[in-house]
C-alpha atoms as a PDB file:
ATOM      1  CA  UNK A   1      41.235  32.609 -28.517  1.00  0.00           C
ATOM      2  CA  UNK A   2      41.133  30.844 -31.852  1.00  0.00           C
ATOM      3  CA  UNK A   3      38.576  28.623 -33.277  1.00  0.00           C
ATOM      4  CA  UNK A   4      39.382  24.919 -33.426  1.00  0.00           C
ATOM      5  CA  UNK A   5      39.621  23.231 -36.763  1.00  0.00           C
ATOM      6  CA  UNK A   6      36.950  20.635 -37.556  1.00  0.00           C
ATOM      7  CA  UNK A   7      37.154  17.621 -39.665  1.00  0.00           C
ATOM      8  CA  UNK A   8      34.915  17.413 -42.643  1.00  0.00           C
ATOM      9  CA  UNK A   9      33.020  14.613 -40.793  1.00  0.00           C
ATOM     10  CA  UNK A  10      32.475  16.980 -37.642  1.00  0.00           C
ATOM     11  CA  UNK A  11      31.407  19.770 -39.926  1.00  0.00           C
ATOM     12  CA  UNK A  12      28.946  17.475 -41.854  1.00  0.00           C
ATOM     13  CA  UNK A  13      27.505  16.358 -38.500  1.00  0.00           C
ATOM     14  CA  UNK A  14      26.979  20.142 -37.380  1.00  0.00           C
ATOM     15  CA  UNK A  15      25.431  20.991 -40.728  1.00  0.00           C
ATOM     16  CA  UNK A  16      23.119  17.980 -40.231  1.00  0.00           C
ATOM     17  CA  UNK A  17      21.977  19.348 -36.853  1.00  0.00           C
ATOM     18  CA  UNK A  18      21.125  22.818 -37.930  1.00  0.00           C
ATOM     19  CA  UNK A  19      17.636  22.081 -39.323  1.00  0.00           C
ATOM     20  CA  UNK A  20      16.818  20.159 -36.144  1.00  0.00           C
ATOM     21  CA  UNK A  21      16.553  23.306 -33.932  1.00  0.00           C
ATOM     22  CA  UNK A  22      14.741  23.750 -31.544  1.00  0.00           C
ATOM     23  CA  UNK A  23      15.630  20.578 -29.668  1.00  0.00           C
ATOM     24  CA  UNK A  24      14.141  18.953 -26.575  1.00  0.00           C
ATOM     25  CA  UNK A  25      13.987  15.775 -24.632  1.00  0.00           C
ATOM     26  CA  UNK A  26      11.040  14.764 -22.504  1.00  0.00           C
ATOM     27  CA  UNK A  27       7.335  14.355 -23.000  1.00  0.00           C
ATOM     28  CA  UNK A  28       4.307  16.420 -23.410  1.00  0.00           C
ATOM     29  CA  UNK A  29       0.943  15.316 -21.928  1.00  0.00           C
ATOM     30  CA  UNK A  30      -2.625  16.730 -21.666  1.00  0.00           C
ATOM     31  CA  UNK A  31      -3.949  16.252 -18.056  1.00  0.00           C
ATOM     32  CA  UNK A  32      -6.926  17.619 -16.084  1.00  0.00           C
ATOM     33  CA  UNK A  33      -6.007  18.926 -12.741  1.00  0.00           C
ATOM     34  CA  UNK A  34      -8.156  20.493  -9.785  1.00  0.00           C
ATOM     35  CA  UNK A  35      -7.748  24.128  -9.113  1.00  0.00           C
ATOM     36  CA  UNK A  36      -7.552  25.842  -5.760  1.00  0.00           C
ATOM     37  CA  UNK A  37     -10.956  27.387  -5.551  1.00  0.00           C
ATOM     38  CA  UNK A  38     -13.065  25.577  -2.863  1.00  0.00           C
ATOM     39  CA  UNK A  39     -16.472  25.781  -4.772  1.00  0.00           C
ATOM     40  CA  UNK A  40     -15.346  25.310  -8.307  1.00  0.00           C
ATOM     41  CA  UNK A  41     -18.092  23.614 -10.265  1.00  0.00           C
ATOM     42  CA  UNK A  42     -15.667  21.778 -12.628  1.00  0.00           C
ATOM     43  CA  UNK A  43     -13.648  20.409  -9.884  1.00  0.00           C
ATOM     44  CA  UNK A  44     -16.725  19.460  -7.742  1.00  0.00           C
ATOM     45  CA  UNK A  45     -18.266  17.640 -10.691  1.00  0.00           C
ATOM     46  CA  UNK A  46     -14.854  15.682 -11.358  1.00  0.00           C
ATOM     47  CA  UNK A  47     -14.174  17.357 -14.705  1.00  0.00           C
ATOM     48  CA  UNK A  48     -11.305  19.442 -13.351  1.00  0.00           C
ATOM     49  CA  UNK A  49      -9.364  21.909 -15.683  1.00  0.00           C
ATOM     50  CA  UNK A  50      -7.287  20.993 -18.690  1.00  0.00           C
ATOM     51  CA  UNK A  51      -3.587  21.461 -18.555  1.00  0.00           C
ATOM     52  CA  UNK A  52      -0.594  20.796 -20.628  1.00  0.00           C
ATOM     53  CA  UNK A  53       2.484  19.358 -18.814  1.00  0.00           C
ATOM     54  CA  UNK A  54       6.096  19.079 -20.113  1.00  0.00           C
ATOM     55  CA  UNK A  55       8.020  16.359 -18.277  1.00  0.00           C
ATOM     56  CA  UNK A  56      11.755  15.933 -18.408  1.00  0.00           C
ATOM     57  CA  UNK A  57      14.747  14.875 -16.347  1.00  0.00           C
ATOM     58  CA  UNK A  58      16.866  17.415 -14.579  1.00  0.00           C
ATOM     59  CA  UNK A  59      19.876  16.411 -12.368  1.00  0.00           C
ATOM     60  CA  UNK A  60      18.578  12.834 -12.436  1.00  0.00           C
ATOM     61  CA  UNK A  61      15.127  13.720 -11.184  1.00  0.00           C
ATOM     62  CA  UNK A  62      11.813  13.821 -13.035  1.00  0.00           C
ATOM     63  CA  UNK A  63      10.488  17.344 -13.359  1.00  0.00           C
ATOM     64  CA  UNK A  64       7.061  18.517 -14.708  1.00  0.00           C
ATOM     65  CA  UNK A  65       6.213  22.032 -15.798  1.00  0.00           C
ATOM     66  CA  UNK A  66       3.067  23.603 -16.824  1.00  0.00           C
ATOM     67  CA  UNK A  67       3.193  24.884 -20.500  1.00  0.00           C
ATOM     68  CA  UNK A  68       0.880  27.397 -22.000  1.00  0.00           C
ATOM     69  CA  UNK A  69      -1.351  25.921 -24.806  1.00  0.00           C
ATOM     70  CA  UNK A  70       0.202  28.292 -27.348  1.00  0.00           C
ATOM     71  CA  UNK A  71       3.610  26.649 -26.843  1.00  0.00           C
ATOM     72  CA  UNK A  72       2.390  23.276 -27.703  1.00  0.00           C
ATOM     73  CA  UNK A  73       3.366  23.224 -31.397  1.00  0.00           C
ATOM     74  CA  UNK A  74       6.823  24.546 -30.785  1.00  0.00           C
ATOM     75  CA  UNK A  75       7.397  21.849 -28.031  1.00  0.00           C
ATOM     76  CA  UNK A  76       6.080  19.031 -30.111  1.00  0.00           C
ATOM     77  CA  UNK A  77       8.509  20.043 -32.926  1.00  0.00           C
ATOM     78  CA  UNK A  78      11.378  20.292 -30.541  1.00  0.00           C
ATOM     79  CA  UNK A  79      10.581  16.790 -29.183  1.00  0.00           C
ATOM     80  CA  UNK A  80      10.399  15.386 -32.677  1.00  0.00           C
ATOM     81  CA  UNK A  81      13.789  16.833 -33.437  1.00  0.00           C
ATOM     82  CA  UNK A  82      15.207  15.396 -30.156  1.00  0.00           C
ATOM     83  CA  UNK A  83      13.948  11.958 -31.107  1.00  0.00           C
ATOM     84  CA  UNK A  84      15.603  12.350 -34.590  1.00  0.00           C
ATOM     85  CA  UNK A  85      18.892  13.464 -33.115  1.00  0.00           C
ATOM     86  CA  UNK A  86      18.918  10.413 -30.620  1.00  0.00           C
ATOM     87  CA  UNK A  87      18.268   8.026 -33.540  1.00  0.00           C
ATOM     88  CA  UNK A  88      21.053   9.692 -35.393  1.00  0.00           C
ATOM     89  CA  UNK A  89      23.442   9.396 -32.448  1.00  0.00           C
ATOM     90  CA  UNK A  90      22.628   5.781 -32.276  1.00  0.00           C
ATOM     91  CA  UNK A  91      23.503   5.336 -35.952  1.00  0.00           C
ATOM     92  CA  UNK A  92      26.779   7.140 -35.390  1.00  0.00           C
ATOM     93  CA  UNK A  93      27.747   4.940 -32.513  1.00  0.00           C
ATOM     94  CA  UNK A  94      27.188   1.856 -34.591  1.00  0.00           C
ATOM     95  CA  UNK A  95      29.137   3.389 -37.591  1.00  0.00           C
ATOM     96  CA  UNK A  96      32.049   4.297 -35.175  1.00  0.00           C
ATOM     97  CA  UNK A  97      32.212   0.713 -33.874  1.00  0.00           C
ATOM     98  CA  UNK A  98      32.196  -0.710 -37.301  1.00  0.00           C
ATOM     99  CA  UNK A  99      35.111   1.593 -38.361  1.00  0.00           C
ATOM    100  CA  UNK A 100      37.046   0.639 -35.278  1.00  0.00           C
ATOM    101  CA  UNK A 101      36.606  -3.015 -36.122  1.00  0.00           C
ATOM    102  CA  UNK A 102      37.735  -2.480 -39.607  1.00  0.00           C
ATOM    103  CA  UNK A 103      40.865  -0.660 -38.464  1.00  0.00           C
ATOM    104  CA  UNK A 104      41.654  -3.467 -36.117  1.00  0.00           C
ATOM    105  CA  UNK A 105      41.485  -6.130 -38.632  1.00  0.00           C
END
């Protein structure tokens, strides 16, 4: 199976994407959650336990997953890259519309 040829514009876009790895879409939030121990002093006092949650959409439903604190920098970077990609896609959509209008006229 051969590789498909890419236009210069497509290759430029792919080259632009490379530094944006890793990518993610969602949100990351610090919360305080109760544990399962019945006599936990932190939970009984109302302080609860700190946790980090990554929230994202999967198959149209909102999903939250616990994340180890050590992964926070990587996920924050991926989320920032995801926001940059979304902004770039919006720009590309506007540029495409402008080109279509110019070709029509």
